[in-house]
Amino acid sequence: MNIQKMMKEAQKMQERLAKAQSDLAEQTVEASAGGGRVTVTASGSGDITAIKISPEAVDPQDVEMLEDLVLSGVREAQEAARRLQAESMGKVTGGLGGLPGLGF
């Protein structure tokens, strides 16, 4: 295979990946726990951007339950962001994301 052609293709893929990563950072996912008592919003890149807690979830006698709800909501939001990332990057890489050394 022509090495110049391969290098151009690699550069194009790198540009598409950078665009996809930029687009992901602008998207959001949302997850809730405890029947909606805790809602967590994350960017498509996985950064937590907001946590909303309904007043019904706040019980001074059971702080541990609130902690568990927040943790659960954060984990679900991060998992949703990972799924969004995998879907987005899969479109760009055509399934090559699992190859060693590609870094995504």
PDB file of N, CA and C in Angstrom:
ATOM      1  N   MET A   1       0.840  -1.189   0.000  1.00  0.00           N
ATOM      2  CA  MET A   1       0.000   0.000   0.000  1.00  0.00           C
ATOM      3  C   MET A   1       0.879   1.244   0.000  1.00  0.00           C
ATOM      4  N   ASN A   2       0.453   2.259  -0.672  1.00  0.00           N
ATOM      5  CA  ASN A   2       1.150   3.528  -0.770  1.00  0.00           C
ATOM      6  C   ASN A   2       1.203   4.193   0.610  1.00  0.00           C
ATOM      7  N   ILE A   3       2.423   4.445   1.113  1.00  0.00           N
ATOM      8  CA  ILE A   3       2.598   5.007   2.453  1.00  0.00           C
ATOM      9  C   ILE A   3       2.017   6.414   2.565  1.00  0.00           C
ATOM     10  N   GLN A   4       2.113   7.223   1.514  1.00  0.00           N
ATOM     11  CA  GLN A   4       1.549   8.578   1.547  1.00  0.00           C
ATOM     12  C   GLN A   4       0.028   8.519   1.675  1.00  0.00           C
ATOM     13  N   LYS A   5      -0.565   7.607   0.933  1.00  0.00           N
ATOM     14  CA  LYS A   5      -2.017   7.461   1.001  1.00  0.00           C
ATOM     15  C   LYS A   5      -2.435   7.021   2.402  1.00  0.00           C
ATOM     16  N   MET A   6      -1.678   6.098   2.985  1.00  0.00           N
ATOM     17  CA  MET A   6      -1.975   5.618   4.330  1.00  0.00           C
ATOM     18  C   MET A   6      -1.837   6.756   5.343  1.00  0.00           C
ATOM     19  N   MET A   7      -0.826   7.591   5.189  1.00  0.00           N
ATOM     20  CA  MET A   7      -0.632   8.715   6.110  1.00  0.00           C
ATOM     21  C   MET A   7      -1.772   9.728   5.976  1.00  0.00           C
ATOM     22  N   LYS A   8      -2.227   9.993   4.749  1.00  0.00           N
ATOM     23  CA  LYS A   8      -3.347  10.911   4.547  1.00  0.00           C
ATOM     24  C   LYS A   8      -4.614  10.364   5.200  1.00  0.00           C
ATOM     25  N   GLU A   9      -4.848   9.068   5.050  1.00  0.00           N
ATOM     26  CA  GLU A   9      -6.028   8.445   5.652  1.00  0.00           C
ATOM     27  C   GLU A   9      -5.956   8.529   7.173  1.00  0.00           C
ATOM     28  N   ALA A  10      -4.768   8.294   7.722  1.00  0.00           N
ATOM     29  CA  ALA A  10      -4.593   8.382   9.175  1.00  0.00           C
ATOM     30  C   ALA A  10      -4.852   9.809   9.659  1.00  0.00           C
ATOM     31  N   GLN A  11      -4.379  10.790   8.902  1.00  0.00           N
ATOM     32  CA  GLN A  11      -4.605  12.187   9.281  1.00  0.00           C
ATOM     33  C   GLN A  11      -6.090  12.530   9.217  1.00  0.00           C
ATOM     34  N   LYS A  12      -6.791  12.040   8.185  1.00  0.00           N
ATOM     35  CA  LYS A  12      -8.229  12.296   8.079  1.00  0.00           C
ATOM     36  C   LYS A  12      -8.971  11.679   9.262  1.00  0.00           C
ATOM     37  N   MET A  13      -8.578  10.450   9.630  1.00  0.00           N
ATOM     38  CA  MET A  13      -9.237   9.802  10.760  1.00  0.00           C
ATOM     39  C   MET A  13      -8.962  10.577  12.038  1.00  0.00           C
ATOM     40  N   GLN A  14      -7.754  11.058  12.211  1.00  0.00           N
ATOM     41  CA  GLN A  14      -7.415  11.842  13.399  1.00  0.00           C
ATOM     42  C   GLN A  14      -8.273  13.106  13.458  1.00  0.00           C
ATOM     43  N   GLU A  15      -8.482  13.747  12.336  1.00  0.00           N
ATOM     44  CA  GLU A  15      -9.325  14.947  12.284  1.00  0.00           C
ATOM     45  C   GLU A  15     -10.772  14.603  12.624  1.00  0.00           C
ATOM     46  N   ARG A  16     -11.266  13.474  12.099  1.00  0.00           N
ATOM     47  CA  ARG A  16     -12.643  13.054  12.403  1.00  0.00           C
ATOM     48  C   ARG A  16     -12.790  12.719  13.883  1.00  0.00           C
ATOM     49  N   LEU A  17     -11.759  12.095  14.472  1.00  0.00           N
ATOM     50  CA  LEU A  17     -11.795  11.776  15.899  1.00  0.00           C
ATOM     51  C   LEU A  17     -11.817  13.049  16.740  1.00  0.00           C
ATOM     52  N   ALA A  18     -11.001  14.027  16.389  1.00  0.00           N
ATOM     53  CA  ALA A  18     -10.967  15.290  17.129  1.00  0.00           C
ATOM     54  C   ALA A  18     -12.334  15.969  17.062  1.00  0.00           C
ATOM     55  N   LYS A  19     -12.955  15.949  15.896  1.00  0.00           N
ATOM     56  CA  LYS A  19     -14.292  16.548  15.730  1.00  0.00           C
ATOM     57  C   LYS A  19     -15.316  15.798  16.577  1.00  0.00           C
ATOM     58  N   ALA A  20     -15.251  14.457  16.545  1.00  0.00           N
ATOM     59  CA  ALA A  20     -16.191  13.656  17.336  1.00  0.00           C
ATOM     60  C   ALA A  20     -16.018  13.927  18.823  1.00  0.00           C
ATOM     61  N   GLN A  21     -14.775  14.063  19.292  1.00  0.00           N
ATOM     62  CA  GLN A  21     -14.530  14.351  20.703  1.00  0.00           C
ATOM     63  C   GLN A  21     -15.059  15.738  21.079  1.00  0.00           C
ATOM     64  N   SER A  22     -14.884  16.684  20.189  1.00  0.00           N
ATOM     65  CA  SER A  22     -15.409  18.032  20.424  1.00  0.00           C
ATOM     66  C   SER A  22     -16.935  18.004  20.488  1.00  0.00           C
ATOM     67  N   ASP A  23     -17.546  17.273  19.576  1.00  0.00           N
ATOM     68  CA  ASP A  23     -19.007  17.144  19.567  1.00  0.00           C
ATOM     69  C   ASP A  23     -19.501  16.470  20.846  1.00  0.00           C
ATOM     70  N   LEU A  24     -18.783  15.457  21.314  1.00  0.00           N
ATOM     71  CA  LEU A  24     -19.168  14.764  22.551  1.00  0.00           C
ATOM     72  C   LEU A  24     -19.177  15.716  23.739  1.00  0.00           C
ATOM     73  N   ALA A  25     -18.192  16.572  23.816  1.00  0.00           N
ATOM     74  CA  ALA A  25     -18.099  17.502  24.942  1.00  0.00           C
ATOM     75  C   ALA A  25     -19.295  18.440  24.997  1.00  0.00           C
ATOM     76  N   GLU A  26     -19.939  18.663  23.853  1.00  0.00           N
ATOM     77  CA  GLU A  26     -21.098  19.562  23.792  1.00  0.00           C
ATOM     78  C   GLU A  26     -22.417  18.847  24.072  1.00  0.00           C
ATOM     79  N   GLN A  27     -22.417  17.516  24.024  1.00  0.00           N
ATOM     80  CA  GLN A  27     -23.636  16.756  24.270  1.00  0.00           C
ATOM     81  C   GLN A  27     -23.770  16.469  25.765  1.00  0.00           C
ATOM     82  N   THR A  28     -24.990  16.167  26.194  1.00  0.00           N
ATOM     83  CA  THR A  28     -25.201  15.812  27.593  1.00  0.00           C
ATOM     84  C   THR A  28     -26.017  14.536  27.695  1.00  0.00           C
ATOM     85  N   VAL A  29     -25.807  13.849  28.796  1.00  0.00           N
ATOM     86  CA  VAL A  29     -26.615  12.687  29.149  1.00  0.00           C
ATOM     87  C   VAL A  29     -27.120  12.919  30.559  1.00  0.00           C
ATOM     88  N   GLU A  30     -28.204  12.262  30.887  1.00  0.00           N
ATOM     89  CA  GLU A  30     -28.812  12.444  32.200  1.00  0.00           C
ATOM     90  C   GLU A  30     -29.189  11.081  32.750  1.00  0.00           C
ATOM     91  N   ALA A  31     -29.005  10.913  34.045  1.00  0.00           N
ATOM     92  CA  ALA A  31     -29.391   9.677  34.716  1.00  0.00           C
ATOM     93  C   ALA A  31     -30.025  10.046  36.049  1.00  0.00           C
ATOM     94  N   SER A  32     -30.917   9.183  36.503  1.00  0.00           N
ATOM     95  CA  SER A  32     -31.541   9.458  37.797  1.00  0.00           C
ATOM     96  C   SER A  32     -31.489   8.208  38.658  1.00  0.00           C
ATOM     97  N   ALA A  33     -31.616   8.426  39.951  1.00  0.00           N
ATOM     98  CA  ALA A  33     -31.614   7.342  40.924  1.00  0.00           C
ATOM     99  C   ALA A  33     -32.698   7.620  41.952  1.00  0.00           C
ATOM    100  N   GLY A  34     -33.130   6.562  42.596  1.00  0.00           N
ATOM    101  CA  GLY A  34     -34.144   6.719  43.644  1.00  0.00           C
ATOM    102  C   GLY A  34     -35.463   7.224  43.120  1.00  0.00           C
ATOM    103  N   GLY A  35     -35.859   6.726  41.954  1.00  0.00           N
ATOM    104  CA  GLY A  35     -37.132   7.150  41.386  1.00  0.00           C
ATOM    105  C   GLY A  35     -37.150   8.622  41.007  1.00  0.00           C
ATOM    106  N   GLY A  36     -35.996   9.149  40.631  1.00  0.00           N
ATOM    107  CA  GLY A  36     -35.919  10.546  40.211  1.00  0.00           C
ATOM    108  C   GLY A  36     -35.586  11.507  41.328  1.00  0.00           C
ATOM    109  N   ARG A  37     -35.329  10.982  42.513  1.00  0.00           N
ATOM    110  CA  ARG A  37     -35.002  11.886  43.625  1.00  0.00           C
ATOM    111  C   ARG A  37     -33.624  12.525  43.457  1.00  0.00           C
ATOM    112  N   VAL A  38     -32.741  11.847  42.712  1.00  0.00           N
ATOM    113  CA  VAL A  38     -31.426  12.400  42.393  1.00  0.00           C
ATOM    114  C   VAL A  38     -31.247  12.303  40.884  1.00  0.00           C
ATOM    115  N   THR A  39     -30.912  13.415  40.251  1.00  0.00           N
ATOM    116  CA  THR A  39     -30.678  13.449  38.810  1.00  0.00           C
ATOM    117  C   THR A  39     -29.285  14.005  38.559  1.00  0.00           C
ATOM    118  N   VAL A  40     -28.532  13.278  37.742  1.00  0.00           N
ATOM    119  CA  VAL A  40     -27.155  13.665  37.446  1.00  0.00           C
ATOM    120  C   VAL A  40     -27.037  13.914  35.949  1.00  0.00           C
ATOM    121  N   THR A  41     -26.421  15.036  35.591  1.00  0.00           N
ATOM    122  CA  THR A  41     -26.175  15.379  34.192  1.00  0.00           C
ATOM    123  C   THR A  41     -24.670  15.340  33.962  1.00  0.00           C
ATOM    124  N   ALA A  42     -24.284  14.743  32.828  1.00  0.00           N
ATOM    125  CA  ALA A  42     -22.869  14.658  32.465  1.00  0.00           C
ATOM    126  C   ALA A  42     -22.708  15.069  31.012  1.00  0.00           C
ATOM    127  N   SER A  43     -21.524  15.555  30.690  1.00  0.00           N
ATOM    128  CA  SER A  43     -21.223  15.843  29.290  1.00  0.00           C
ATOM    129  C   SER A  43     -20.974  14.510  28.588  1.00  0.00           C
ATOM    130  N   GLY A  44     -21.011  14.551  27.270  1.00  0.00           N
ATOM    131  CA  GLY A  44     -20.736  13.336  26.505  1.00  0.00           C
ATOM    132  C   GLY A  44     -19.333  12.819  26.730  1.00  0.00           C
ATOM    133  N   SER A  45     -18.438  13.681  27.200  1.00  0.00           N
ATOM    134  CA  SER A  45     -17.079  13.240  27.493  1.00  0.00           C
ATOM    135  C   SER A  45     -16.953  12.661  28.901  1.00  0.00           C
ATOM    136  N   GLY A  46     -18.057  12.669  29.665  1.00  0.00           N
ATOM    137  CA  GLY A  46     -18.075  12.025  30.975  1.00  0.00           C
ATOM    138  C   GLY A  46     -17.933  12.942  32.165  1.00  0.00           C
ATOM    139  N   ASP A  47     -17.765  14.233  31.951  1.00  0.00           N
ATOM    140  CA  ASP A  47     -17.646  15.165  33.071  1.00  0.00           C
ATOM    141  C   ASP A  47     -19.022  15.421  33.678  1.00  0.00           C
ATOM    142  N   ILE A  48     -19.127  15.311  34.985  1.00  0.00           N
ATOM    143  CA  ILE A  48     -20.384  15.597  35.679  1.00  0.00           C
ATOM    144  C   ILE A  48     -20.583  17.102  35.662  1.00  0.00           C
ATOM    145  N   THR A  49     -21.734  17.539  35.149  1.00  0.00           N
ATOM    146  CA  THR A  49     -21.991  18.973  35.026  1.00  0.00           C
ATOM    147  C   THR A  49     -23.056  19.485  35.985  1.00  0.00           C
ATOM    148  N   ALA A  50     -23.902  18.579  36.499  1.00  0.00           N
ATOM    149  CA  ALA A  50     -24.938  19.013  37.437  1.00  0.00           C
ATOM    150  C   ALA A  50     -25.467  17.824  38.232  1.00  0.00           C
ATOM    151  N   ILE A  51     -25.856  18.108  39.461  1.00  0.00           N
ATOM    152  CA  ILE A  51     -26.534  17.122  40.307  1.00  0.00           C
ATOM    153  C   ILE A  51     -27.719  17.839  40.937  1.00  0.00           C
ATOM    154  N   LYS A  52     -28.900  17.292  40.726  1.00  0.00           N
ATOM    155  CA  LYS A  52     -30.124  17.845  41.317  1.00  0.00           C
ATOM    156  C   LYS A  52     -30.649  16.834  42.338  1.00  0.00           C
ATOM    157  N   ILE A  53     -30.993  17.336  43.507  1.00  0.00           N
ATOM    158  CA  ILE A  53     -31.512  16.488  44.580  1.00  0.00           C
ATOM    159  C   ILE A  53     -32.855  17.048  45.009  1.00  0.00           C
ATOM    160  N   SER A  54     -33.887  16.204  44.938  1.00  0.00           N
ATOM    161  CA  SER A  54     -35.211  16.666  45.354  1.00  0.00           C
ATOM    162  C   SER A  54     -35.267  16.728  46.883  1.00  0.00           C
ATOM    163  N   PRO A  55     -36.068  17.624  47.408  1.00  0.00           N
ATOM    164  CA  PRO A  55     -36.169  17.770  48.863  1.00  0.00           C
ATOM    165  C   PRO A  55     -36.579  16.469  49.574  1.00  0.00           C
ATOM    166  N   GLU A  56     -37.371  15.631  48.886  1.00  0.00           N
ATOM    167  CA  GLU A  56     -37.803  14.378  49.513  1.00  0.00           C
ATOM    168  C   GLU A  56     -36.625  13.429  49.779  1.00  0.00           C
ATOM    169  N   ALA A  57     -35.530  13.610  49.062  1.00  0.00           N
ATOM    170  CA  ALA A  57     -34.372  12.728  49.221  1.00  0.00           C
ATOM    171  C   ALA A  57     -33.517  13.119  50.419  1.00  0.00           C
ATOM    172  N   VAL A  58     -33.766  14.294  50.969  1.00  0.00           N
ATOM    173  CA  VAL A  58     -32.936  14.787  52.066  1.00  0.00           C
ATOM    174  C   VAL A  58     -33.577  14.414  53.401  1.00  0.00           C
ATOM    175  N   ASP A  59     -32.986  13.436  54.045  1.00  0.00           N
ATOM    176  CA  ASP A  59     -33.438  12.995  55.369  1.00  0.00           C
ATOM    177  C   ASP A  59     -32.218  13.023  56.286  1.00  0.00           C
ATOM    178  N   PRO A  60     -32.168  13.985  57.194  1.00  0.00           N
ATOM    179  CA  PRO A  60     -31.004  14.097  58.081  1.00  0.00           C
ATOM    180  C   PRO A  60     -30.744  12.814  58.880  1.00  0.00           C
ATOM    181  N   GLN A  61     -31.762  12.001  59.046  1.00  0.00           N
ATOM    182  CA  GLN A  61     -31.608  10.742  59.788  1.00  0.00           C
ATOM    183  C   GLN A  61     -31.036   9.628  58.915  1.00  0.00           C
ATOM    184  N   ASP A  62     -30.984   9.849  57.583  1.00  0.00           N
ATOM    185  CA  ASP A  62     -30.506   8.807  56.681  1.00  0.00           C
ATOM    186  C   ASP A  62     -29.629   9.406  55.574  1.00  0.00           C
ATOM    187  N   VAL A  63     -28.559  10.038  55.976  1.00  0.00           N
ATOM    188  CA  VAL A  63     -27.636  10.655  55.037  1.00  0.00           C
ATOM    189  C   VAL A  63     -27.005   9.592  54.126  1.00  0.00           C
ATOM    190  N   GLU A  64     -26.792   8.411  54.661  1.00  0.00           N
ATOM    191  CA  GLU A  64     -26.182   7.328  53.884  1.00  0.00           C
ATOM    192  C   GLU A  64     -27.009   6.984  52.641  1.00  0.00           C
ATOM    193  N   MET A  65     -28.333   7.008  52.773  1.00  0.00           N
ATOM    194  CA  MET A  65     -29.180   6.714  51.620  1.00  0.00           C
ATOM    195  C   MET A  65     -28.978   7.772  50.534  1.00  0.00           C
ATOM    196  N   LEU A  66     -28.901   9.037  50.919  1.00  0.00           N
ATOM    197  CA  LEU A  66     -28.681  10.109  49.954  1.00  0.00           C
ATOM    198  C   LEU A  66     -27.321   9.946  49.278  1.00  0.00           C
ATOM    199  N   GLU A  67     -26.321   9.600  50.052  1.00  0.00           N
ATOM    200  CA  GLU A  67     -24.990   9.361  49.471  1.00  0.00           C
ATOM    201  C   GLU A  67     -25.046   8.245  48.435  1.00  0.00           C
ATOM    202  N   ASP A  68     -25.750   7.170  48.763  1.00  0.00           N
ATOM    203  CA  ASP A  68     -25.887   6.042  47.831  1.00  0.00           C
ATOM    204  C   ASP A  68     -26.626   6.459  46.557  1.00  0.00           C
ATOM    205  N   LEU A  69     -27.668   7.272  46.702  1.00  0.00           N
ATOM    206  CA  LEU A  69     -28.415   7.735  45.530  1.00  0.00           C
ATOM    207  C   LEU A  69     -27.543   8.609  44.626  1.00  0.00           C
ATOM    208  N   VAL A  70     -26.772   9.497  45.235  1.00  0.00           N
ATOM    209  CA  VAL A  70     -25.889  10.366  44.450  1.00  0.00           C
ATOM    210  C   VAL A  70     -24.840   9.522  43.733  1.00  0.00           C
ATOM    211  N   LEU A  71     -24.236   8.598  44.433  1.00  0.00           N
ATOM    212  CA  LEU A  71     -23.229   7.735  43.824  1.00  0.00           C
ATOM    213  C   LEU A  71     -23.821   6.910  42.684  1.00  0.00           C
ATOM    214  N   SER A  72     -24.989   6.375  42.891  1.00  0.00           N
ATOM    215  CA  SER A  72     -25.661   5.597  41.859  1.00  0.00           C
ATOM    216  C   SER A  72     -25.974   6.450  40.635  1.00  0.00           C
ATOM    217  N   GLY A  73     -26.465   7.655  40.866  1.00  0.00           N
ATOM    218  CA  GLY A  73     -26.765   8.561  39.759  1.00  0.00           C
ATOM    219  C   GLY A  73     -25.521   8.942  38.975  1.00  0.00           C
ATOM    220  N   VAL A  74     -24.429   9.196  39.683  1.00  0.00           N
ATOM    221  CA  VAL A  74     -23.171   9.546  39.021  1.00  0.00           C
ATOM    222  C   VAL A  74     -22.681   8.372  38.176  1.00  0.00           C
ATOM    223  N   ARG A  75     -22.724   7.190  38.741  1.00  0.00           N
ATOM    224  CA  ARG A  75     -22.278   6.010  37.991  1.00  0.00           C
ATOM    225  C   ARG A  75     -23.119   5.788  36.740  1.00  0.00           C
ATOM    226  N   GLU A  76     -24.426   5.951  36.867  1.00  0.00           N
ATOM    227  CA  GLU A  76     -25.309   5.761  35.712  1.00  0.00           C
ATOM    228  C   GLU A  76     -25.050   6.824  34.640  1.00  0.00           C
ATOM    229  N   ALA A  77     -24.822   8.064  35.054  1.00  0.00           N
ATOM    230  CA  ALA A  77     -24.537   9.132  34.091  1.00  0.00           C
ATOM    231  C   ALA A  77     -23.212   8.869  33.378  1.00  0.00           C
ATOM    232  N   GLN A  78     -22.218   8.421  34.120  1.00  0.00           N
ATOM    233  CA  GLN A  78     -20.928   8.122  33.503  1.00  0.00           C
ATOM    234  C   GLN A  78     -21.040   6.950  32.529  1.00  0.00           C
ATOM    235  N   GLU A  79     -21.826   5.954  32.871  1.00  0.00           N
ATOM    236  CA  GLU A  79     -22.040   4.812  31.968  1.00  0.00           C
ATOM    237  C   GLU A  79     -22.772   5.259  30.706  1.00  0.00           C
ATOM    238  N   ALA A  80     -23.748   6.137  30.862  1.00  0.00           N
ATOM    239  CA  ALA A  80     -24.455   6.666  29.691  1.00  0.00           C
ATOM    240  C   ALA A  80     -23.497   7.452  28.800  1.00  0.00           C
ATOM    241  N   ALA A  81     -22.589   8.207  29.406  1.00  0.00           N
ATOM    242  CA  ALA A  81     -21.590   8.955  28.629  1.00  0.00           C
ATOM    243  C   ALA A  81     -20.656   7.995  27.905  1.00  0.00           C
ATOM    244  N   ARG A  82     -20.260   6.895  28.572  1.00  0.00           N
ATOM    245  CA  ARG A  82     -19.393   5.901  27.916  1.00  0.00           C
ATOM    246  C   ARG A  82     -20.087   5.270  26.719  1.00  0.00           C
ATOM    247  N   ARG A  83     -21.374   4.975  26.860  1.00  0.00           N
ATOM    248  CA  ARG A  83     -22.114   4.399  25.728  1.00  0.00           C
ATOM    249  C   ARG A  83     -22.188   5.393  24.574  1.00  0.00           C
ATOM    250  N   LEU A  84     -22.424   6.661  24.892  1.00  0.00           N
ATOM    251  CA  LEU A  84     -22.469   7.701  23.867  1.00  0.00           C
ATOM    252  C   LEU A  84     -21.109   7.828  23.182  1.00  0.00           C
ATOM    253  N   GLN A  85     -20.037   7.781  23.965  1.00  0.00           N
ATOM    254  CA  GLN A  85     -18.688   7.852  23.405  1.00  0.00           C
ATOM    255  C   GLN A  85     -18.426   6.671  22.477  1.00  0.00           C
ATOM    256  N   ALA A  86     -18.768   5.478  22.917  1.00  0.00           N
ATOM    257  CA  ALA A  86     -18.526   4.287  22.110  1.00  0.00           C
ATOM    258  C   ALA A  86     -19.290   4.358  20.797  1.00  0.00           C
ATOM    259  N   GLU A  87     -20.523   4.809  20.874  1.00  0.00           N
ATOM    260  CA  GLU A  87     -21.339   4.939  19.664  1.00  0.00           C
ATOM    261  C   GLU A  87     -20.740   5.973  18.713  1.00  0.00           C
ATOM    262  N   SER A  88     -20.373   7.113  19.259  1.00  0.00           N
ATOM    263  CA  SER A  88     -19.821   8.194  18.448  1.00  0.00           C
ATOM    264  C   SER A  88     -18.482   7.806  17.833  1.00  0.00           C
ATOM    265  N   MET A  89     -17.597   7.247  18.631  1.00  0.00           N
ATOM    266  CA  MET A  89     -16.274   6.868  18.130  1.00  0.00           C
ATOM    267  C   MET A  89     -16.370   5.676  17.178  1.00  0.00           C
ATOM    268  N   GLY A  90     -17.321   4.790  17.422  1.00  0.00           N
ATOM    269  CA  GLY A  90     -17.507   3.644  16.531  1.00  0.00           C
ATOM    270  C   GLY A  90     -17.884   4.086  15.132  1.00  0.00           C
ATOM    271  N   LYS A  91     -18.670   5.144  15.051  1.00  0.00           N
ATOM    272  CA  LYS A  91     -19.050   5.676  13.742  1.00  0.00           C
ATOM    273  C   LYS A  91     -17.831   6.224  13.006  1.00  0.00           C
ATOM    274  N   VAL A  92     -16.937   6.858  13.749  1.00  0.00           N
ATOM    275  CA  VAL A  92     -15.759   7.477  13.147  1.00  0.00           C
ATOM    276  C   VAL A  92     -14.723   6.434  12.751  1.00  0.00           C
ATOM    277  N   THR A  93     -14.499   5.464  13.639  1.00  0.00           N
ATOM    278  CA  THR A  93     -13.417   4.505  13.416  1.00  0.00           C
ATOM    279  C   THR A  93     -13.853   3.270  12.653  1.00  0.00           C
ATOM    280  N   GLY A  94     -15.143   3.104  12.474  1.00  0.00           N
ATOM    281  CA  GLY A  94     -15.615   1.917  11.773  1.00  0.00           C
ATOM    282  C   GLY A  94     -15.291   0.636  12.526  1.00  0.00           C
ATOM    283  N   GLY A  95     -15.286   0.718  13.871  1.00  0.00           N
ATOM    284  CA  GLY A  95     -15.025  -0.464  14.682  1.00  0.00           C
ATOM    285  C   GLY A  95     -13.561  -0.710  14.971  1.00  0.00           C
ATOM    286  N   LEU A  96     -12.666   0.201  14.617  1.00  0.00           N
ATOM    287  CA  LEU A  96     -11.243   0.012  14.859  1.00  0.00           C
ATOM    288  C   LEU A  96     -10.823   0.439  16.261  1.00  0.00           C
ATOM    289  N   GLY A  97     -11.757   0.918  17.070  1.00  0.00           N
ATOM    290  CA  GLY A  97     -11.425   1.461  18.382  1.00  0.00           C
ATOM    291  C   GLY A  97     -10.713   0.519  19.310  1.00  0.00           C
ATOM    292  N   GLY A  98     -10.849  -0.777  19.115  1.00  0.00           N
ATOM    293  CA  GLY A  98     -10.209  -1.731  20.013  1.00  0.00           C
ATOM    294  C   GLY A  98      -8.784  -2.070  19.634  1.00  0.00           C
ATOM    295  N   LEU A  99      -8.256  -1.490  18.577  1.00  0.00           N
ATOM    296  CA  LEU A  99      -6.901  -1.818  18.171  1.00  0.00           C
ATOM    297  C   LEU A  99      -5.906  -1.156  19.112  1.00  0.00           C
ATOM    298  N   PRO A 100      -4.885  -1.912  19.540  1.00  0.00           N
ATOM    299  CA  PRO A 100      -3.880  -1.347  20.441  1.00  0.00           C
ATOM    300  C   PRO A 100      -3.172  -0.160  19.827  1.00  0.00           C
ATOM    301  N   GLY A 101      -2.886   0.826  20.659  1.00  0.00           N
ATOM    302  CA  GLY A 101      -2.111   1.971  20.205  1.00  0.00           C
ATOM    303  C   GLY A 101      -2.918   3.099  19.588  1.00  0.00           C
ATOM    304  N   LEU A 102      -4.225   2.879  19.374  1.00  0.00           N
ATOM    305  CA  LEU A 102      -5.017   3.952  18.754  1.00  0.00           C
ATOM    306  C   LEU A 102      -5.516   4.951  19.791  1.00  0.00           C
ATOM    307  N   GLY A 103      -5.556   4.572  21.055  1.00  0.00           N
ATOM    308  CA  GLY A 103      -5.847   5.520  22.121  1.00  0.00           C
ATOM    309  C   GLY A 103      -7.274   5.996  22.239  1.00  0.00           C
ATOM    310  N   PHE A 104      -8.245   5.180  21.817  1.00  0.00           N
ATOM    311  CA  PHE A 104      -9.642   5.572  22.005  1.00  0.00           C
ATOM    312  C   PHE A 104     -10.494   4.369  22.218  1.00  0.00           C
TER     313      PHE A 104
END
